[in-house]
Amino acid sequence: MAVHANCKTDPWADNAVPYICWDRQWTVADIRGRLRAAKDAERHRLMAWLMRELKTTEVWNFLTPGDIQREFEGIRPWLGPARPLWEHLLGMWHEMGRV
């Protein structure tokens, strides 16, 4: 099927499969549903996966700074090398009064 040059697909539409799902066929809607349904460590692992694998600006398609701040202690162990970045961002948001 040909795609017209001026036709753009929204990569964050509910039925889109994000590029980070190379090993699973989860759509954006699937990820949002899993975030709503998951509890405790399962939710924290899923949040950390998004925070590690997506570009920072893309994380906001799934999470808010408030979500991250409220649950950061649970998320922190799962962030790996991305942890310093997120600690820095949380500190900046706190200083700016955003969280």
PDB file of N, CA and C in Angstrom:
ATOM      1  N   MET A   1       0.845  -1.173   0.000  1.00  0.00           N
ATOM      2  CA  MET A   1       0.000   0.000   0.000  1.00  0.00           C
ATOM      3  C   MET A   1       0.895   1.241   0.000  1.00  0.00           C
ATOM      4  N   ALA A   2       0.654   2.158  -0.873  1.00  0.00           N
ATOM      5  CA  ALA A   2       1.443   3.384  -0.961  1.00  0.00           C
ATOM      6  C   ALA A   2       0.992   4.377   0.099  1.00  0.00           C
ATOM      7  N   VAL A   3       1.950   5.102   0.638  1.00  0.00           N
ATOM      8  CA  VAL A   3       1.659   6.147   1.617  1.00  0.00           C
ATOM      9  C   VAL A   3       1.939   7.479   0.935  1.00  0.00           C
ATOM     10  N   HIS A   4       0.981   8.374   1.006  1.00  0.00           N
ATOM     11  CA  HIS A   4       1.160   9.690   0.394  1.00  0.00           C
ATOM     12  C   HIS A   4       2.159  10.506   1.194  1.00  0.00           C
ATOM     13  N   ALA A   5       2.965  11.304   0.519  1.00  0.00           N
ATOM     14  CA  ALA A   5       4.016  12.094   1.168  1.00  0.00           C
ATOM     15  C   ALA A   5       3.471  13.043   2.211  1.00  0.00           C
ATOM     16  N   ASN A   6       2.261  13.568   2.010  1.00  0.00           N
ATOM     17  CA  ASN A   6       1.713  14.516   2.978  1.00  0.00           C
ATOM     18  C   ASN A   6       0.821  13.854   4.024  1.00  0.00           C
ATOM     19  N   CYS A   7       0.769  12.556   4.037  1.00  0.00           N
ATOM     20  CA  CYS A   7      -0.025  11.811   5.014  1.00  0.00           C
ATOM     21  C   CYS A   7       0.884  11.366   6.153  1.00  0.00           C
ATOM     22  N   LYS A   8       0.581  11.826   7.351  1.00  0.00           N
ATOM     23  CA  LYS A   8       1.412  11.478   8.512  1.00  0.00           C
ATOM     24  C   LYS A   8       0.612  10.640   9.489  1.00  0.00           C
ATOM     25  N   THR A   9       1.257   9.679  10.074  1.00  0.00           N
ATOM     26  CA  THR A   9       0.635   8.820  11.067  1.00  0.00           C
ATOM     27  C   THR A   9       1.089   9.262  12.444  1.00  0.00           C
ATOM     28  N   ASP A  10       0.156   9.340  13.378  1.00  0.00           N
ATOM     29  CA  ASP A  10       0.479   9.728  14.751  1.00  0.00           C
ATOM     30  C   ASP A  10       1.092   8.525  15.466  1.00  0.00           C
ATOM     31  N   PRO A  11       2.384   8.602  15.826  1.00  0.00           N
ATOM     32  CA  PRO A  11       3.025   7.458  16.494  1.00  0.00           C
ATOM     33  C   PRO A  11       2.479   7.214  17.898  1.00  0.00           C
ATOM     34  N   TRP A  12       1.670   8.135  18.437  1.00  0.00           N
ATOM     35  CA  TRP A  12       1.124   7.984  19.782  1.00  0.00           C
ATOM     36  C   TRP A  12      -0.381   7.763  19.772  1.00  0.00           C
ATOM     37  N   ALA A  13      -0.923   7.437  18.611  1.00  0.00           N
ATOM     38  CA  ALA A  13      -2.335   7.070  18.520  1.00  0.00           C
ATOM     39  C   ALA A  13      -2.541   5.750  19.267  1.00  0.00           C
ATOM     40  N   ASP A  14      -3.731   5.558  19.777  1.00  0.00           N
ATOM     41  CA  ASP A  14      -4.012   4.359  20.585  1.00  0.00           C
ATOM     42  C   ASP A  14      -3.643   3.051  19.887  1.00  0.00           C
ATOM     43  N   ASN A  15      -3.825   2.972  18.571  1.00  0.00           N
ATOM     44  CA  ASN A  15      -3.558   1.709  17.869  1.00  0.00           C
ATOM     45  C   ASN A  15      -2.123   1.580  17.363  1.00  0.00           C
ATOM     46  N   ALA A  16      -1.290   2.595  17.593  1.00  0.00           N
ATOM     47  CA  ALA A  16       0.110   2.553  17.155  1.00  0.00           C
ATOM     48  C   ALA A  16       0.932   1.647  18.067  1.00  0.00           C
ATOM     49  N   VAL A  17       1.907   0.971  17.487  1.00  0.00           N
ATOM     50  CA  VAL A  17       2.851   0.154  18.248  1.00  0.00           C
ATOM     51  C   VAL A  17       4.144   0.977  18.357  1.00  0.00           C
ATOM     52  N   PRO A  18       4.477   1.461  19.564  1.00  0.00           N
ATOM     53  CA  PRO A  18       5.678   2.293  19.714  1.00  0.00           C
ATOM     54  C   PRO A  18       6.955   1.535  19.360  1.00  0.00           C
ATOM     55  N   TYR A  19       7.942   2.279  18.924  1.00  0.00           N
ATOM     56  CA  TYR A  19       9.224   1.683  18.526  1.00  0.00           C
ATOM     57  C   TYR A  19       9.902   0.918  19.654  1.00  0.00           C
ATOM     58  N   ILE A  20       9.584   1.215  20.900  1.00  0.00           N
ATOM     59  CA  ILE A  20      10.208   0.487  22.015  1.00  0.00           C
ATOM     60  C   ILE A  20       9.601  -0.899  22.198  1.00  0.00           C
ATOM     61  N   CYS A  21       8.540  -1.181  21.461  1.00  0.00           N
ATOM     62  CA  CYS A  21       7.882  -2.497  21.565  1.00  0.00           C
ATOM     63  C   CYS A  21       8.379  -3.446  20.478  1.00  0.00           C
ATOM     64  N   TRP A  22       9.662  -3.393  20.192  1.00  0.00           N
ATOM     65  CA  TRP A  22      10.248  -4.249  19.167  1.00  0.00           C
ATOM     66  C   TRP A  22      10.131  -5.732  19.519  1.00  0.00           C
ATOM     67  N   ASP A  23      10.008  -6.043  20.821  1.00  0.00           N
ATOM     68  CA  ASP A  23       9.946  -7.433  21.268  1.00  0.00           C
ATOM     69  C   ASP A  23       8.559  -7.860  21.727  1.00  0.00           C
ATOM     70  N   ARG A  24       7.565  -6.997  21.539  1.00  0.00           N
ATOM     71  CA  ARG A  24       6.180  -7.291  21.927  1.00  0.00           C
ATOM     72  C   ARG A  24       5.254  -6.449  21.061  1.00  0.00           C
ATOM     73  N   GLN A  25       4.062  -6.891  20.876  1.00  0.00           N
ATOM     74  CA  GLN A  25       3.100  -6.175  20.033  1.00  0.00           C
ATOM     75  C   GLN A  25       2.101  -5.388  20.889  1.00  0.00           C
ATOM     76  N   TRP A  26       2.618  -4.546  21.756  1.00  0.00           N
ATOM     77  CA  TRP A  26       1.767  -3.694  22.573  1.00  0.00           C
ATOM     78  C   TRP A  26       1.507  -2.396  21.835  1.00  0.00           C
ATOM     79  N   THR A  27       0.251  -2.000  21.830  1.00  0.00           N
ATOM     80  CA  THR A  27      -0.091  -0.701  21.268  1.00  0.00           C
ATOM     81  C   THR A  27       0.014   0.351  22.371  1.00  0.00           C
ATOM     82  N   VAL A  28      -0.111   1.612  21.972  1.00  0.00           N
ATOM     83  CA  VAL A  28      -0.134   2.704  22.944  1.00  0.00           C
ATOM     84  C   VAL A  28      -1.279   2.472  23.933  1.00  0.00           C
ATOM     85  N   ALA A  29      -2.436   2.075  23.428  1.00  0.00           N
ATOM     86  CA  ALA A  29      -3.581   1.800  24.308  1.00  0.00           C
ATOM     87  C   ALA A  29      -3.281   0.646  25.270  1.00  0.00           C
ATOM     88  N   ASP A  30      -2.589  -0.390  24.804  1.00  0.00           N
ATOM     89  CA  ASP A  30      -2.208  -1.513  25.675  1.00  0.00           C
ATOM     90  C   ASP A  30      -1.323  -1.024  26.819  1.00  0.00           C
ATOM     91  N   ILE A  31      -0.344  -0.191  26.499  1.00  0.00           N
ATOM     92  CA  ILE A  31       0.568   0.315  27.530  1.00  0.00           C
ATOM     93  C   ILE A  31      -0.202   1.151  28.546  1.00  0.00           C
ATOM     94  N   ARG A  32      -1.067   2.031  28.063  1.00  0.00           N
ATOM     95  CA  ARG A  32      -1.871   2.849  28.984  1.00  0.00           C
ATOM     96  C   ARG A  32      -2.753   1.978  29.879  1.00  0.00           C
ATOM     97  N   GLY A  33      -3.344   0.950  29.296  1.00  0.00           N
ATOM     98  CA  GLY A  33      -4.168   0.029  30.077  1.00  0.00           C
ATOM     99  C   GLY A  33      -3.350  -0.723  31.114  1.00  0.00           C
ATOM    100  N   ARG A  34      -2.176  -1.159  30.743  1.00  0.00           N
ATOM    101  CA  ARG A  34      -1.302  -1.859  31.687  1.00  0.00           C
ATOM    102  C   ARG A  34      -0.878  -0.930  32.825  1.00  0.00           C
ATOM    103  N   LEU A  35      -0.596   0.333  32.500  1.00  0.00           N
ATOM    104  CA  LEU A  35      -0.244   1.296  33.551  1.00  0.00           C
ATOM    105  C   LEU A  35      -1.397   1.489  34.535  1.00  0.00           C
ATOM    106  N   ARG A  36      -2.622   1.557  34.010  1.00  0.00           N
ATOM    107  CA  ARG A  36      -3.784   1.723  34.900  1.00  0.00           C
ATOM    108  C   ARG A  36      -4.010   0.507  35.788  1.00  0.00           C
ATOM    109  N   ALA A  37      -3.789  -0.676  35.230  1.00  0.00           N
ATOM    110  CA  ALA A  37      -4.093  -1.915  35.946  1.00  0.00           C
ATOM    111  C   ALA A  37      -2.976  -2.377  36.882  1.00  0.00           C
ATOM    112  N   ALA A  38      -1.738  -2.034  36.557  1.00  0.00           N
ATOM    113  CA  ALA A  38      -0.591  -2.545  37.325  1.00  0.00           C
ATOM    114  C   ALA A  38      -0.515  -1.903  38.705  1.00  0.00           C
ATOM    115  N   LYS A  39      -0.032  -2.652  39.634  1.00  0.00           N
ATOM    116  CA  LYS A  39       0.136  -2.185  41.017  1.00  0.00           C
ATOM    117  C   LYS A  39       1.578  -2.381  41.450  1.00  0.00           C
ATOM    118  N   ASP A  40       2.001  -1.509  42.338  1.00  0.00           N
ATOM    119  CA  ASP A  40       3.280  -1.635  43.045  1.00  0.00           C
ATOM    120  C   ASP A  40       4.457  -1.905  42.109  1.00  0.00           C
ATOM    121  N   ALA A  41       5.222  -2.960  42.376  1.00  0.00           N
ATOM    122  CA  ALA A  41       6.462  -3.218  41.633  1.00  0.00           C
ATOM    123  C   ALA A  41       6.214  -3.415  40.143  1.00  0.00           C
ATOM    124  N   GLU A  42       5.119  -4.050  39.785  1.00  0.00           N
ATOM    125  CA  GLU A  42       4.820  -4.243  38.359  1.00  0.00           C
ATOM    126  C   GLU A  42       4.641  -2.883  37.672  1.00  0.00           C
ATOM    127  N   ARG A  43       3.924  -1.982  38.311  1.00  0.00           N
ATOM    128  CA  ARG A  43       3.733  -0.631  37.758  1.00  0.00           C
ATOM    129  C   ARG A  43       5.068   0.124  37.699  1.00  0.00           C
ATOM    130  N   HIS A  44       5.857   0.007  38.757  1.00  0.00           N
ATOM    131  CA  HIS A  44       7.147   0.705  38.800  1.00  0.00           C
ATOM    132  C   HIS A  44       8.089   0.201  37.709  1.00  0.00           C
ATOM    133  N   ARG A  45       8.107  -1.091  37.467  1.00  0.00           N
ATOM    134  CA  ARG A  45       8.943  -1.638  36.386  1.00  0.00           C
ATOM    135  C   ARG A  45       8.483  -1.114  35.030  1.00  0.00           C
ATOM    136  N   LEU A  46       7.170  -1.050  34.829  1.00  0.00           N
ATOM    137  CA  LEU A  46       6.627  -0.558  33.565  1.00  0.00           C
ATOM    138  C   LEU A  46       6.937   0.933  33.380  1.00  0.00           C
ATOM    139  N   MET A  47       6.781   1.706  34.436  1.00  0.00           N
ATOM    140  CA  MET A  47       7.104   3.134  34.372  1.00  0.00           C
ATOM    141  C   MET A  47       8.589   3.326  34.070  1.00  0.00           C
ATOM    142  N   ALA A  48       9.441   2.586  34.741  1.00  0.00           N
ATOM    143  CA  ALA A  48      10.881   2.702  34.530  1.00  0.00           C
ATOM    144  C   ALA A  48      11.259   2.290  33.106  1.00  0.00           C
ATOM    145  N   TRP A  49      10.608   1.265  32.583  1.00  0.00           N
ATOM    146  CA  TRP A  49      10.863   0.841  31.197  1.00  0.00           C
ATOM    147  C   TRP A  49      10.582   1.998  30.240  1.00  0.00           C
ATOM    148  N   LEU A  50       9.459   2.674  30.429  1.00  0.00           N
ATOM    149  CA  LEU A  50       9.132   3.827  29.588  1.00  0.00           C
ATOM    150  C   LEU A  50      10.161   4.937  29.762  1.00  0.00           C
ATOM    151  N   MET A  51      10.549   5.203  30.985  1.00  0.00           N
ATOM    152  CA  MET A  51      11.497   6.284  31.289  1.00  0.00           C
ATOM    153  C   MET A  51      12.899   5.978  30.762  1.00  0.00           C
ATOM    154  N   ARG A  52      13.264   4.705  30.698  1.00  0.00           N
ATOM    155  CA  ARG A  52      14.575   4.310  30.161  1.00  0.00           C
ATOM    156  C   ARG A  52      14.592   4.305  28.646  1.00  0.00           C
ATOM    157  N   GLU A  53      13.537   3.811  28.043  1.00  0.00           N
ATOM    158  CA  GLU A  53      13.560   3.497  26.617  1.00  0.00           C
ATOM    159  C   GLU A  53      13.055   4.616  25.710  1.00  0.00           C
ATOM    160  N   LEU A  54      12.131   5.420  26.202  1.00  0.00           N
ATOM    161  CA  LEU A  54      11.604   6.511  25.379  1.00  0.00           C
ATOM    162  C   LEU A  54      12.485   7.741  25.494  1.00  0.00           C
ATOM    163  N   LYS A  55      12.407   8.619  24.498  1.00  0.00           N
ATOM    164  CA  LYS A  55      13.012   9.932  24.641  1.00  0.00           C
ATOM    165  C   LYS A  55      12.249  10.646  25.754  1.00  0.00           C
ATOM    166  N   THR A  56      12.924  11.496  26.485  1.00  0.00           N
ATOM    167  CA  THR A  56      12.302  12.164  27.639  1.00  0.00           C
ATOM    168  C   THR A  56      10.987  12.823  27.255  1.00  0.00           C
ATOM    169  N   THR A  57      10.949  13.522  26.146  1.00  0.00           N
ATOM    170  CA  THR A  57       9.718  14.204  25.749  1.00  0.00           C
ATOM    171  C   THR A  57       8.595  13.244  25.392  1.00  0.00           C
ATOM    172  N   GLU A  58       8.931  12.018  25.037  1.00  0.00           N
ATOM    173  CA  GLU A  58       7.916  11.023  24.681  1.00  0.00           C
ATOM    174  C   GLU A  58       7.286  10.375  25.911  1.00  0.00           C
ATOM    175  N   VAL A  59       7.980  10.423  27.025  1.00  0.00           N
ATOM    176  CA  VAL A  59       7.460   9.839  28.269  1.00  0.00           C
ATOM    177  C   VAL A  59       6.117  10.470  28.627  1.00  0.00           C
ATOM    178  N   TRP A  60       5.953  11.743  28.267  1.00  0.00           N
ATOM    179  CA  TRP A  60       4.726  12.476  28.653  1.00  0.00           C
ATOM    180  C   TRP A  60       3.493  11.970  27.931  1.00  0.00           C
ATOM    181  N   ASN A  61       3.666  11.099  26.958  1.00  0.00           N
ATOM    182  CA  ASN A  61       2.515  10.451  26.336  1.00  0.00           C
ATOM    183  C   ASN A  61       1.880   9.427  27.267  1.00  0.00           C
ATOM    184  N   PHE A  62       2.604   9.047  28.330  1.00  0.00           N
ATOM    185  CA  PHE A  62       2.126   8.012  29.243  1.00  0.00           C
ATOM    186  C   PHE A  62       2.106   8.445  30.711  1.00  0.00           C
ATOM    187  N   LEU A  63       3.030   9.299  31.102  1.00  0.00           N
ATOM    188  CA  LEU A  63       3.203   9.674  32.506  1.00  0.00           C
ATOM    189  C   LEU A  63       3.236  11.182  32.647  1.00  0.00           C
ATOM    190  N   THR A  64       2.964  11.654  33.861  1.00  0.00           N
ATOM    191  CA  THR A  64       3.112  13.074  34.161  1.00  0.00           C
ATOM    192  C   THR A  64       4.274  13.232  35.141  1.00  0.00           C
ATOM    193  N   PRO A  65       4.826  14.443  35.260  1.00  0.00           N
ATOM    194  CA  PRO A  65       5.852  14.657  36.283  1.00  0.00           C
ATOM    195  C   PRO A  65       5.343  14.300  37.685  1.00  0.00           C
ATOM    196  N   GLY A  66       4.072  14.570  37.947  1.00  0.00           N
ATOM    197  CA  GLY A  66       3.495  14.212  39.247  1.00  0.00           C
ATOM    198  C   GLY A  66       3.479  12.713  39.482  1.00  0.00           C
ATOM    199  N   ASP A  67       3.139  11.947  38.451  1.00  0.00           N
ATOM    200  CA  ASP A  67       3.178  10.475  38.553  1.00  0.00           C
ATOM    201  C   ASP A  67       4.576  10.021  38.948  1.00  0.00           C
ATOM    202  N   ILE A  68       5.559  10.572  38.244  1.00  0.00           N
ATOM    203  CA  ILE A  68       6.949  10.172  38.472  1.00  0.00           C
ATOM    204  C   ILE A  68       7.389  10.560  39.879  1.00  0.00           C
ATOM    205  N   GLN A  69       7.069  11.776  40.288  1.00  0.00           N
ATOM    206  CA  GLN A  69       7.485  12.217  41.624  1.00  0.00           C
ATOM    207  C   GLN A  69       6.841  11.361  42.716  1.00  0.00           C
ATOM    208  N   ARG A  70       5.526  11.120  42.609  1.00  0.00           N
ATOM    209  CA  ARG A  70       4.822  10.338  43.636  1.00  0.00           C
ATOM    210  C   ARG A  70       5.379   8.935  43.784  1.00  0.00           C
ATOM    211  N   GLU A  71       5.818   8.342  42.682  1.00  0.00           N
ATOM    212  CA  GLU A  71       6.224   6.939  42.706  1.00  0.00           C
ATOM    213  C   GLU A  71       7.729   6.741  42.508  1.00  0.00           C
ATOM    214  N   PHE A  72       8.488   7.813  42.598  1.00  0.00           N
ATOM    215  CA  PHE A  72       9.906   7.727  42.244  1.00  0.00           C
ATOM    216  C   PHE A  72      10.687   6.747  43.107  1.00  0.00           C
ATOM    217  N   GLU A  73      10.403   6.678  44.372  1.00  0.00           N
ATOM    218  CA  GLU A  73      11.160   5.740  45.223  1.00  0.00           C
ATOM    219  C   GLU A  73      10.992   4.302  44.752  1.00  0.00           C
ATOM    220  N   GLY A  74       9.812   3.951  44.255  1.00  0.00           N
ATOM    221  CA  GLY A  74       9.598   2.608  43.720  1.00  0.00           C
ATOM    222  C   GLY A  74      10.180   2.417  42.341  1.00  0.00           C
ATOM    223  N   ILE A  75      10.222   3.495  41.555  1.00  0.00           N
ATOM    224  CA  ILE A  75      10.742   3.439  40.190  1.00  0.00           C
ATOM    225  C   ILE A  75      12.269   3.407  40.180  1.00  0.00           C
ATOM    226  N   ARG A  76      12.864   4.170  41.080  1.00  0.00           N
ATOM    227  CA  ARG A  76      14.322   4.389  41.101  1.00  0.00           C
ATOM    228  C   ARG A  76      15.158   3.122  40.908  1.00  0.00           C
ATOM    229  N   PRO A  77      14.884   2.016  41.606  1.00  0.00           N
ATOM    230  CA  PRO A  77      15.757   0.837  41.441  1.00  0.00           C
ATOM    231  C   PRO A  77      15.745   0.245  40.034  1.00  0.00           C
ATOM    232  N   TRP A  78      14.725   0.557  39.233  1.00  0.00           N
ATOM    233  CA  TRP A  78      14.572  -0.026  37.909  1.00  0.00           C
ATOM    234  C   TRP A  78      15.104   0.876  36.795  1.00  0.00           C
ATOM    235  N   LEU A  79      15.607   2.046  37.120  1.00  0.00           N
ATOM    236  CA  LEU A  79      16.011   3.004  36.089  1.00  0.00           C
ATOM    237  C   LEU A  79      17.397   2.773  35.505  1.00  0.00           C
ATOM    238  N   GLY A  80      18.246   2.076  36.211  1.00  0.00           N
ATOM    239  CA  GLY A  80      19.584   1.817  35.699  1.00  0.00           C
ATOM    240  C   GLY A  80      20.320   3.110  35.383  1.00  0.00           C
ATOM    241  N   PRO A  81      21.026   3.166  34.245  1.00  0.00           N
ATOM    242  CA  PRO A  81      21.816   4.352  33.911  1.00  0.00           C
ATOM    243  C   PRO A  81      20.980   5.623  33.685  1.00  0.00           C
ATOM    244  N   ALA A  82      19.676   5.492  33.528  1.00  0.00           N
ATOM    245  CA  ALA A  82      18.816   6.668  33.337  1.00  0.00           C
ATOM    246  C   ALA A  82      18.490   7.372  34.655  1.00  0.00           C
ATOM    247  N   ARG A  83      18.821   6.751  35.773  1.00  0.00           N
ATOM    248  CA  ARG A  83      18.455   7.309  37.075  1.00  0.00           C
ATOM    249  C   ARG A  83      18.993   8.722  37.314  1.00  0.00           C
ATOM    250  N   PRO A  84      20.279   9.015  37.045  1.00  0.00           N
ATOM    251  CA  PRO A  84      20.757  10.386  37.289  1.00  0.00           C
ATOM    252  C   PRO A  84      19.982  11.449  36.500  1.00  0.00           C
ATOM    253  N   LEU A  85      19.627  11.148  35.276  1.00  0.00           N
ATOM    254  CA  LEU A  85      18.847  12.099  34.478  1.00  0.00           C
ATOM    255  C   LEU A  85      17.519  12.402  35.153  1.00  0.00           C
ATOM    256  N   TRP A  86      16.811  11.360  35.572  1.00  0.00           N
ATOM    257  CA  TRP A  86      15.497  11.557  36.173  1.00  0.00           C
ATOM    258  C   TRP A  86      15.597  12.209  37.545  1.00  0.00           C
ATOM    259  N   GLU A  87      16.635  11.902  38.295  1.00  0.00           N
ATOM    260  CA  GLU A  87      16.841  12.587  39.583  1.00  0.00           C
ATOM    261  C   GLU A  87      17.076  14.084  39.345  1.00  0.00           C
ATOM    262  N   HIS A  88      17.855  14.395  38.314  1.00  0.00           N
ATOM    263  CA  HIS A  88      18.124  15.795  37.965  1.00  0.00           C
ATOM    264  C   HIS A  88      16.825  16.505  37.552  1.00  0.00           C
ATOM    265  N   LEU A  89      16.054  15.873  36.692  1.00  0.00           N
ATOM    266  CA  LEU A  89      14.794  16.480  36.247  1.00  0.00           C
ATOM    267  C   LEU A  89      13.836  16.699  37.410  1.00  0.00           C
ATOM    268  N   LEU A  90      13.713  15.721  38.288  1.00  0.00           N
ATOM    269  CA  LEU A  90      12.838  15.888  39.458  1.00  0.00           C
ATOM    270  C   LEU A  90      13.305  17.046  40.334  1.00  0.00           C
ATOM    271  N   GLY A  91      14.611  17.155  40.518  1.00  0.00           N
ATOM    272  CA  GLY A  91      15.155  18.271  41.301  1.00  0.00           C
ATOM    273  C   GLY A  91      14.838  19.608  40.664  1.00  0.00           C
ATOM    274  N   MET A  92      14.986  19.693  39.342  1.00  0.00           N
ATOM    275  CA  MET A  92      14.675  20.943  38.631  1.00  0.00           C
ATOM    276  C   MET A  92      13.189  21.277  38.741  1.00  0.00           C
ATOM    277  N   TRP A  93      12.338  20.272  38.543  1.00  0.00           N
ATOM    278  CA  TRP A  93      10.897  20.519  38.628  1.00  0.00           C
ATOM    279  C   TRP A  93      10.507  20.976  40.023  1.00  0.00           C
ATOM    280  N   HIS A  94      11.145  20.384  41.038  1.00  0.00           N
ATOM    281  CA  HIS A  94      10.861  20.774  42.419  1.00  0.00           C
ATOM    282  C   HIS A  94      11.261  22.241  42.640  1.00  0.00           C
ATOM    283  N   GLU A  95      12.456  22.609  42.193  1.00  0.00           N
ATOM    284  CA  GLU A  95      12.926  23.981  42.336  1.00  0.00           C
ATOM    285  C   GLU A  95      12.013  24.972  41.620  1.00  0.00           C
ATOM    286  N   MET A  96      11.452  24.570  40.520  1.00  0.00           N
ATOM    287  CA  MET A  96      10.574  25.444  39.727  1.00  0.00           C
ATOM    288  C   MET A  96       9.131  25.431  40.244  1.00  0.00           C
ATOM    289  N   GLY A  97       8.861  24.578  41.241  1.00  0.00           N
ATOM    290  CA  GLY A  97       7.514  24.485  41.777  1.00  0.00           C
ATOM    291  C   GLY A  97       6.545  23.717  40.893  1.00  0.00           C
ATOM    292  N   ARG A  98       7.082  22.880  40.028  1.00  0.00           N
ATOM    293  CA  ARG A  98       6.224  22.109  39.101  1.00  0.00           C
ATOM    294  C   ARG A  98       5.716  20.803  39.713  1.00  0.00           C
ATOM    295  N   VAL A  99       6.447  20.310  40.706  1.00  0.00           N
ATOM    296  CA  VAL A  99       6.007  19.092  41.422  1.00  0.00           C
ATOM    297  C   VAL A  99       6.127  19.334  42.903  1.00  0.00           C
TER     298      VAL A  99
END
